[in-house]
């Protein structure tokens, strides 16, 4: 019985599991924020290239170096 009580106290005082859960939540938050930042930056860069392509088309420069290009990939 004494051994069981000792094991129960050790299990109660062990904080490794709690730390692992905290770090897992932190990694999940960092991953979500990183993904959202990458998607936002990607959309902004895509818009910039589309605007550049449209601007160049109005100046007589065609996309892809060929005749009559459009701004779609």
PDB file of N, CA and C in Angstrom:
ATOM      1  N   UNK A   1       0.824  -1.196   0.000  1.00  0.00           N
ATOM      2  CA  UNK A   1       0.000   0.000   0.000  1.00  0.00           C
ATOM      3  C   UNK A   1       0.865   1.256   0.000  1.00  0.00           C
ATOM      4  N   UNK A   2       1.982   1.174   0.737  1.00  0.00           N
ATOM      5  CA  UNK A   2       2.873   2.328   0.811  1.00  0.00           C
ATOM      6  C   UNK A   2       3.467   2.632  -0.572  1.00  0.00           C
ATOM      7  N   UNK A   3       3.784   1.575  -1.314  1.00  0.00           N
ATOM      8  CA  UNK A   3       4.340   1.765  -2.651  1.00  0.00           C
ATOM      9  C   UNK A   3       3.308   2.422  -3.566  1.00  0.00           C
ATOM     10  N   UNK A   4       2.048   2.040  -3.441  1.00  0.00           N
ATOM     11  CA  UNK A   4       0.986   2.631  -4.236  1.00  0.00           C
ATOM     12  C   UNK A   4       0.823   4.119  -3.914  1.00  0.00           C
ATOM     13  N   UNK A   5       0.903   4.461  -2.635  1.00  0.00           N
ATOM     14  CA  UNK A   5       0.801   5.863  -2.232  1.00  0.00           C
ATOM     15  C   UNK A   5       1.990   6.672  -2.755  1.00  0.00           C
ATOM     16  N   UNK A   6       3.173   6.080  -2.746  1.00  0.00           N
ATOM     17  CA  UNK A   6       4.364   6.761  -3.263  1.00  0.00           C
ATOM     18  C   UNK A   6       4.226   7.004  -4.765  1.00  0.00           C
ATOM     19  N   UNK A   7       3.736   6.008  -5.484  1.00  0.00           N
ATOM     20  CA  UNK A   7       3.540   6.168  -6.923  1.00  0.00           C
ATOM     21  C   UNK A   7       2.477   7.223  -7.209  1.00  0.00           C
ATOM     22  N   UNK A   8       1.426   7.276  -6.413  1.00  0.00           N
ATOM     23  CA  UNK A   8       0.375   8.270  -6.604  1.00  0.00           C
ATOM     24  C   UNK A   8       0.924   9.681  -6.376  1.00  0.00           C
ATOM     25  N   UNK A   9       1.758   9.847  -5.350  1.00  0.00           N
ATOM     26  CA  UNK A   9       2.364  11.163  -5.108  1.00  0.00           C
ATOM     27  C   UNK A   9       3.295  11.569  -6.241  1.00  0.00           C
ATOM     28  N   UNK A  10       4.071  10.613  -6.754  1.00  0.00           N
ATOM     29  CA  UNK A  10       4.968  10.927  -7.861  1.00  0.00           C
ATOM     30  C   UNK A  10       4.177  11.317  -9.106  1.00  0.00           C
ATOM     31  N   UNK A  11       3.088  10.618  -9.367  1.00  0.00           N
ATOM     32  CA  UNK A  11       2.249  10.929 -10.517  1.00  0.00           C
ATOM     33  C   UNK A  11       1.627  12.321 -10.372  1.00  0.00           C
ATOM     34  N   UNK A  12       1.197  12.656  -9.156  1.00  0.00           N
ATOM     35  CA  UNK A  12       0.591  13.961  -8.899  1.00  0.00           C
ATOM     36  C   UNK A  12       1.609  15.094  -9.050  1.00  0.00           C
ATOM     37  N   UNK A  13       2.841  14.867  -8.616  1.00  0.00           N
ATOM     38  CA  UNK A  13       3.872  15.908  -8.641  1.00  0.00           C
ATOM     39  C   UNK A  13       4.587  16.016  -9.978  1.00  0.00           C
ATOM     40  N   UNK A  14       4.393  15.040 -10.860  1.00  0.00           N
ATOM     41  CA  UNK A  14       5.061  15.062 -12.156  1.00  0.00           C
ATOM     42  C   UNK A  14       4.405  16.109 -13.051  1.00  0.00           C
ATOM     43  N   UNK A  15       5.197  17.071 -13.543  1.00  0.00           N
ATOM     44  CA  UNK A  15       4.671  18.148 -14.380  1.00  0.00           C
ATOM     45  C   UNK A  15       5.100  18.020 -15.832  1.00  0.00           C
ATOM     46  N   UNK A  16       5.711  16.927 -16.218  1.00  0.00           N
ATOM     47  CA  UNK A  16       6.156  16.762 -17.595  1.00  0.00           C
ATOM     48  C   UNK A  16       4.984  16.729 -18.570  1.00  0.00           C
ATOM     49  N   UNK A  17       3.908  16.083 -18.206  1.00  0.00           N
ATOM     50  CA  UNK A  17       2.739  16.010 -19.075  1.00  0.00           C
ATOM     51  C   UNK A  17       2.111  17.375 -19.297  1.00  0.00           C
ATOM     52  N   UNK A  18       2.027  18.171 -18.230  1.00  0.00           N
ATOM     53  CA  UNK A  18       1.457  19.517 -18.353  1.00  0.00           C
ATOM     54  C   UNK A  18       2.328  20.396 -19.245  1.00  0.00           C
ATOM     55  N   UNK A  19       3.623  20.295 -19.095  1.00  0.00           N
ATOM     56  CA  UNK A  19       4.530  21.089 -19.927  1.00  0.00           C
ATOM     57  C   UNK A  19       4.401  20.675 -21.392  1.00  0.00           C
ATOM     58  N   UNK A  20       4.265  19.373 -21.638  1.00  0.00           N
ATOM     59  CA  UNK A  20       4.131  18.896 -23.007  1.00  0.00           C
ATOM     60  C   UNK A  20       2.842  19.428 -23.645  1.00  0.00           C
ATOM     61  N   UNK A  21       1.766  19.460 -22.890  1.00  0.00           N
ATOM     62  CA  UNK A  21       0.505  19.990 -23.403  1.00  0.00           C
ATOM     63  C   UNK A  21       0.643  21.481 -23.705  1.00  0.00           C
ATOM     64  N   UNK A  22       1.292  22.220 -22.811  1.00  0.00           N
ATOM     65  CA  UNK A  22       1.485  23.660 -23.034  1.00  0.00           C
ATOM     66  C   UNK A  22       2.316  23.908 -24.285  1.00  0.00           C
ATOM     67  N   UNK A  23       3.389  23.155 -24.455  1.00  0.00           N
ATOM     68  CA  UNK A  23       4.230  23.322 -25.636  1.00  0.00           C
ATOM     69  C   UNK A  23       3.486  22.912 -26.904  1.00  0.00           C
ATOM     70  N   UNK A  24       2.659  21.901 -26.827  1.00  0.00           N
ATOM     71  CA  UNK A  24       1.871  21.483 -27.990  1.00  0.00           C
ATOM     72  C   UNK A  24       0.887  22.570 -28.405  1.00  0.00           C
ATOM     73  N   UNK A  25       0.239  23.189 -27.438  1.00  0.00           N
ATOM     74  CA  UNK A  25      -0.685  24.282 -27.741  1.00  0.00           C
ATOM     75  C   UNK A  25       0.076  25.450 -28.352  1.00  0.00           C
ATOM     76  N   UNK A  26       1.243  25.766 -27.804  1.00  0.00           N
ATOM     77  CA  UNK A  26       2.059  26.859 -28.322  1.00  0.00           C
ATOM     78  C   UNK A  26       2.498  26.588 -29.759  1.00  0.00           C
ATOM     79  N   UNK A  27       2.924  25.367 -30.052  1.00  0.00           N
ATOM     80  CA  UNK A  27       3.328  25.009 -31.416  1.00  0.00           C
ATOM     81  C   UNK A  27       2.134  25.103 -32.364  1.00  0.00           C
ATOM     82  N   UNK A  28       0.969  24.683 -31.920  1.00  0.00           N
ATOM     83  CA  UNK A  28      -0.229  24.783 -32.744  1.00  0.00           C
ATOM     84  C   UNK A  28      -0.599  26.228 -33.061  1.00  0.00           C
ATOM     85  N   UNK A  29      -0.488  27.101 -32.075  1.00  0.00           N
ATOM     86  CA  UNK A  29      -0.792  28.519 -32.299  1.00  0.00           C
ATOM     87  C   UNK A  29       0.214  29.126 -33.270  1.00  0.00           C
ATOM     88  N   UNK A  30       1.489  28.822 -33.085  1.00  0.00           N
ATOM     89  CA  UNK A  30       2.523  29.350 -33.983  1.00  0.00           C
ATOM     90  C   UNK A  30       2.302  28.847 -35.408  1.00  0.00           C
ATOM     91  N   UNK A  31       1.940  27.579 -35.562  1.00  0.00           N
ATOM     92  CA  UNK A  31       1.693  27.034 -36.899  1.00  0.00           C
ATOM     93  C   UNK A  31       0.496  27.712 -37.557  1.00  0.00           C
ATOM     94  N   UNK A  32      -0.573  27.944 -36.805  1.00  0.00           N
ATOM     95  CA  UNK A  32      -1.758  28.585 -37.368  1.00  0.00           C
ATOM     96  C   UNK A  32      -1.460  30.024 -37.790  1.00  0.00           C
ATOM     97  N   UNK A  33      -0.741  30.762 -36.951  1.00  0.00           N
ATOM     98  CA  UNK A  33      -0.398  32.145 -37.286  1.00  0.00           C
ATOM     99  C   UNK A  33       0.521  32.186 -38.502  1.00  0.00           C
ATOM    100  N   UNK A  34       1.478  31.262 -38.566  1.00  0.00           N
ATOM    101  CA  UNK A  34       2.382  31.215 -39.714  1.00  0.00           C
ATOM    102  C   UNK A  34       1.624  30.918 -40.995  1.00  0.00           C
ATOM    103  N   UNK A  35       0.708  29.985 -40.944  1.00  0.00           N
ATOM    104  CA  UNK A  35      -0.088  29.642 -42.121  1.00  0.00           C
ATOM    105  C   UNK A  35      -0.924  30.826 -42.594  1.00  0.00           C
ATOM    106  N   UNK A  36      -1.557  31.522 -41.661  1.00  0.00           N
ATOM    107  CA  UNK A  36      -2.349  32.686 -42.032  1.00  0.00           C
ATOM    108  C   UNK A  36      -1.482  33.792 -42.623  1.00  0.00           C
ATOM    109  N   UNK A  37      -0.282  33.989 -42.057  1.00  0.00           N
ATOM    110  CA  UNK A  37       0.621  35.013 -42.592  1.00  0.00           C
ATOM    111  C   UNK A  37       1.076  34.654 -44.002  1.00  0.00           C
ATOM    112  N   UNK A  38       1.393  33.395 -44.235  1.00  0.00           N
ATOM    113  CA  UNK A  38       1.838  32.959 -45.565  1.00  0.00           C
ATOM    114  C   UNK A  38       0.714  33.131 -46.579  1.00  0.00           C
ATOM    115  N   UNK A  39      -0.507  32.770 -46.206  1.00  0.00           N
ATOM    116  CA  UNK A  39      -1.640  32.937 -47.119  1.00  0.00           C
ATOM    117  C   UNK A  39      -1.904  34.411 -47.419  1.00  0.00           C
ATOM    118  N   UNK A  40      -1.810  35.254 -46.411  1.00  0.00           N
ATOM    119  CA  UNK A  40      -2.053  36.687 -46.626  1.00  0.00           C
ATOM    120  C   UNK A  40      -0.972  37.293 -47.511  1.00  0.00           C
ATOM    121  N   UNK A  41       0.274  36.968 -47.245  1.00  0.00           N
ATOM    122  CA  UNK A  41       1.372  37.500 -48.057  1.00  0.00           C
ATOM    123  C   UNK A  41       1.284  36.963 -49.481  1.00  0.00           C
ATOM    124  N   UNK A  42       0.934  35.692 -49.627  1.00  0.00           N
ATOM    125  CA  UNK A  42       0.788  35.106 -50.965  1.00  0.00           C
ATOM    126  C   UNK A  42      -0.299  35.789 -51.776  1.00  0.00           C
ATOM    127  N   UNK A  43      -1.418  36.094 -51.131  1.00  0.00           N
ATOM    128  CA  UNK A  43      -2.482  36.809 -51.823  1.00  0.00           C
ATOM    129  C   UNK A  43      -2.057  38.204 -52.234  1.00  0.00           C
ATOM    130  N   UNK A  44      -1.331  38.884 -51.342  1.00  0.00           N
ATOM    131  CA  UNK A  44      -0.866  40.235 -51.656  1.00  0.00           C
ATOM    132  C   UNK A  44       0.123  40.209 -52.830  1.00  0.00           C
ATOM    133  N   UNK A  45       1.053  39.249 -52.810  1.00  0.00           N
ATOM    134  CA  UNK A  45       2.034  39.150 -53.895  1.00  0.00           C
ATOM    135  C   UNK A  45       1.336  38.821 -55.217  1.00  0.00           C
ATOM    136  N   UNK A  46       0.366  37.935 -55.178  1.00  0.00           N
ATOM    137  CA  UNK A  46      -0.392  37.605 -56.390  1.00  0.00           C
ATOM    138  C   UNK A  46      -1.107  38.822 -56.958  1.00  0.00           C
ATOM    139  N   UNK A  47      -1.704  39.606 -56.073  1.00  0.00           N
ATOM    140  CA  UNK A  47      -2.366  40.827 -56.524  1.00  0.00           C
ATOM    141  C   UNK A  47      -1.379  41.811 -57.140  1.00  0.00           C
ATOM    142  N   UNK A  48      -0.197  41.901 -56.565  1.00  0.00           N
ATOM    143  CA  UNK A  48       0.818  42.815 -57.099  1.00  0.00           C
ATOM    144  C   UNK A  48       1.243  42.389 -58.499  1.00  0.00           C
ATOM    145  N   UNK A  49       1.455  41.097 -58.707  1.00  0.00           N
ATOM    146  CA  UNK A  49       1.843  40.616 -60.029  1.00  0.00           C
ATOM    147  C   UNK A  49       0.722  40.790 -61.053  1.00  0.00           C
ATOM    148  N   UNK A  50      -0.508  40.556 -60.621  1.00  0.00           N
ATOM    149  CA  UNK A  50      -1.639  40.752 -61.529  1.00  0.00           C
ATOM    150  C   UNK A  50      -1.754  42.222 -61.924  1.00  0.00           C
ATOM    151  N   UNK A  51      -1.584  43.114 -60.959  1.00  0.00           N
ATOM    152  CA  UNK A  51      -1.618  44.544 -61.254  1.00  0.00           C
ATOM    153  C   UNK A  51      -0.482  44.961 -62.169  1.00  0.00           C
ATOM    154  N   UNK A  52       0.693  44.405 -61.947  1.00  0.00           N
ATOM    155  CA  UNK A  52       1.838  44.710 -62.804  1.00  0.00           C
ATOM    156  C   UNK A  52       1.580  44.225 -64.226  1.00  0.00           C
ATOM    157  N   UNK A  53       1.052  43.028 -64.354  1.00  0.00           N
ATOM    158  CA  UNK A  53       0.764  42.466 -65.672  1.00  0.00           C
ATOM    159  C   UNK A  53      -0.271  43.320 -66.399  1.00  0.00           C
ATOM    160  N   UNK A  54      -1.317  43.710 -65.697  1.00  0.00           N
ATOM    161  CA  UNK A  54      -2.353  44.542 -66.316  1.00  0.00           C
ATOM    162  C   UNK A  54      -1.780  45.891 -66.725  1.00  0.00           C
ATOM    163  N   UNK A  55      -0.910  46.445 -65.886  1.00  0.00           N
ATOM    164  CA  UNK A  55      -0.292  47.730 -66.197  1.00  0.00           C
ATOM    165  C   UNK A  55       0.616  47.615 -67.416  1.00  0.00           C
ATOM    166  N   UNK A  56       1.355  46.542 -67.505  1.00  0.00           N
ATOM    167  CA  UNK A  56       2.233  46.352 -68.657  1.00  0.00           C
ATOM    168  C   UNK A  56       1.427  46.119 -69.935  1.00  0.00           C
ATOM    169  N   UNK A  57       0.297  45.419 -69.829  1.00  0.00           N
ATOM    170  CA  UNK A  57      -0.550  45.188 -71.004  1.00  0.00           C
ATOM    171  C   UNK A  57      -1.110  46.491 -71.552  1.00  0.00           C
ATOM    172  N   UNK A  58      -1.401  47.452 -70.691  1.00  0.00           N
ATOM    173  CA  UNK A  58      -1.911  48.741 -71.176  1.00  0.00           C
ATOM    174  C   UNK A  58      -0.815  49.554 -71.851  1.00  0.00           C
ATOM    175  N   UNK A  59       0.435  49.221 -71.584  1.00  0.00           N
ATOM    176  CA  UNK A  59       1.560  49.932 -72.192  1.00  0.00           C
ATOM    177  C   UNK A  59       2.053  49.239 -73.468  1.00  0.00           C
ATOM    178  N   UNK A  60       1.401  48.160 -73.863  1.00  0.00           N
ATOM    179  CA  UNK A  60       1.772  47.480 -75.092  1.00  0.00           C
ATOM    180  C   UNK A  60       2.743  46.332 -74.903  1.00  0.00           C
ATOM    181  N   UNK A  61       3.070  45.997 -73.661  1.00  0.00           N
ATOM    182  CA  UNK A  61       3.962  44.861 -73.384  1.00  0.00           C
ATOM    183  C   UNK A  61       3.076  43.661 -73.085  1.00  0.00           C
ATOM    184  N   UNK A  62       3.325  42.519 -73.710  1.00  0.00           N
ATOM    185  CA  UNK A  62       2.467  41.361 -73.518  1.00  0.00           C
ATOM    186  C   UNK A  62       3.087  40.400 -72.502  1.00  0.00           C
ATOM    187  N   UNK A  63       2.228  39.694 -71.801  1.00  0.00           N
ATOM    188  CA  UNK A  63       2.682  38.725 -70.811  1.00  0.00           C
ATOM    189  C   UNK A  63       3.314  37.524 -71.505  1.00  0.00           C
ATOM    190  N   UNK A  64       4.401  37.021 -70.982  1.00  0.00           N
ATOM    191  CA  UNK A  64       5.041  35.835 -71.538  1.00  0.00           C
ATOM    192  C   UNK A  64       5.846  36.114 -72.784  1.00  0.00           C
ATOM    193  N   UNK A  65       5.958  37.333 -73.186  1.00  0.00           N
ATOM    194  CA  UNK A  65       6.773  37.688 -74.341  1.00  0.00           C
ATOM    195  C   UNK A  65       6.114  37.387 -75.677  1.00  0.00           C
ATOM    196  N   UNK A  66       4.936  36.786 -75.683  1.00  0.00           N
ATOM    197  CA  UNK A  66       4.263  36.463 -76.929  1.00  0.00           C
ATOM    198  C   UNK A  66       3.303  37.558 -77.333  1.00  0.00           C
ATOM    199  N   UNK A  67       2.564  37.289 -78.367  1.00  0.00           N
ATOM    200  CA  UNK A  67       1.605  38.282 -78.845  1.00  0.00           C
ATOM    201  C   UNK A  67       0.276  38.105 -78.122  1.00  0.00           C
ATOM    202  N   UNK A  68      -0.255  39.212 -77.601  1.00  0.00           N
ATOM    203  CA  UNK A  68      -1.600  39.209 -77.011  1.00  0.00           C
ATOM    204  C   UNK A  68      -1.730  38.358 -75.766  1.00  0.00           C
ATOM    205  N   UNK A  69      -0.856  38.504 -74.808  1.00  0.00           N
ATOM    206  CA  UNK A  69      -0.926  37.714 -73.572  1.00  0.00           C
ATOM    207  C   UNK A  69      -1.993  38.221 -72.628  1.00  0.00           C
ATOM    208  N   UNK A  70      -2.399  37.381 -71.696  1.00  0.00           N
ATOM    209  CA  UNK A  70      -3.315  37.820 -70.656  1.00  0.00           C
ATOM    210  C   UNK A  70      -2.645  37.607 -69.307  1.00  0.00           C
ATOM    211  N   UNK A  71      -3.279  38.082 -68.263  1.00  0.00           N
ATOM    212  CA  UNK A  71      -2.678  38.070 -66.918  1.00  0.00           C
ATOM    213  C   UNK A  71      -3.061  36.859 -66.100  1.00  0.00           C
ATOM    214  N   UNK A  72      -3.646  35.836 -66.698  1.00  0.00           N
ATOM    215  CA  UNK A  72      -3.998  34.634 -65.954  1.00  0.00           C
ATOM    216  C   UNK A  72      -2.858  33.638 -66.054  1.00  0.00           C
ATOM    217  N   UNK A  73      -2.617  32.875 -64.990  1.00  0.00           N
ATOM    218  CA  UNK A  73      -1.505  31.911 -65.019  1.00  0.00           C
ATOM    219  C   UNK A  73      -1.741  30.771 -65.972  1.00  0.00           C
TER     220      UNK A  73
END
